[in-house]
Structures are given as structure tokens and as C-alpha cells.
Amino acid sequence: ISELKMAGKLNQVEPILSKFSEVDSIKVYKGKINADTMDELKSFGDELRNHIKSGVGVLFAEPEGKAGIVCVVSDDLIKEKKLSAGKIVGELAKLVGGGGGGRPHLATAGGKDVEQINAALSAVEKIINKFL
């Protein structure tokens, strides 16, 4: 049942893939989605990463009433630009009153301040640019 529910929710990734911004010619996919748990948010991150040929993806959600963030980075940018999802998500987590980290290709974070999700969403490009 949970797999079917998740399959239905994964369609939230499609609109995020269709609109992206660019930082120094790197595609940035970002958005707010509906995820009930951090595991679910991480699954969305995996799904997003599977569809990105080259770029950075950042998804925000409010699992269990807290701010949740997942960041994914394509392999080429890890290798060529030394970008790390762990470092990006760590900076974003500070904006929502939390912390987090992970590996260069996928990282998650949580925070207490859901009111700051939109501000953090607006800061994604600036934070990515900081690591270039």
C-alpha cells in the first residue's frame, strides 16, 4: 500500500523538472513537495536525481510538522565542480533552524522553523554559488 501511495506522490517531481534556474550554467531544480516522512522525502530526492542528467536538485517538505530538506547533485558536478549535497544542505538547514548532512550525491537535513522554508527556497542558488 505504501508503495502505491508513494508512486502516486512521485508525480510531484515532474513540475520541478520542467522549471529550473541556472547558476554559472549549472541547472538548479528546486521546489516544495508533500512528503509525510524524511524517508519519503529522501525517495523524492532519489527520483529527482534519476531524472537529472546534470544539475543540483533541492526539495523542501514539512514531514511531521518540521522543515525537511533533501539535496541531490549529479555525478559530473561532484567530479568537475567538487559540489557536495552534504555541504549545500548543511547551509540550507541553518536557515530553517536545524542541521544535516550526507554524501556528495544525496544529503538530507531537518529544522524546527517551517516558517523559513520559503526563505531557504529563495536562497538555494546563492548557496550553490558559494561553493563554486
Foldseek 3Di string as FASTA:
>chain_A
DVVVVLVVQLCVLVVQVVDFDDAPNATEGEDEGEDQDLVSVQVSLVVNQVPDPAHKYKYWYQHPNWIKIKIFGHPVCCPPLVAARFQLQQVLQVQQAWGWGDTRGMIMIIHHRPVRPVVSRVCSSVSRNVSD
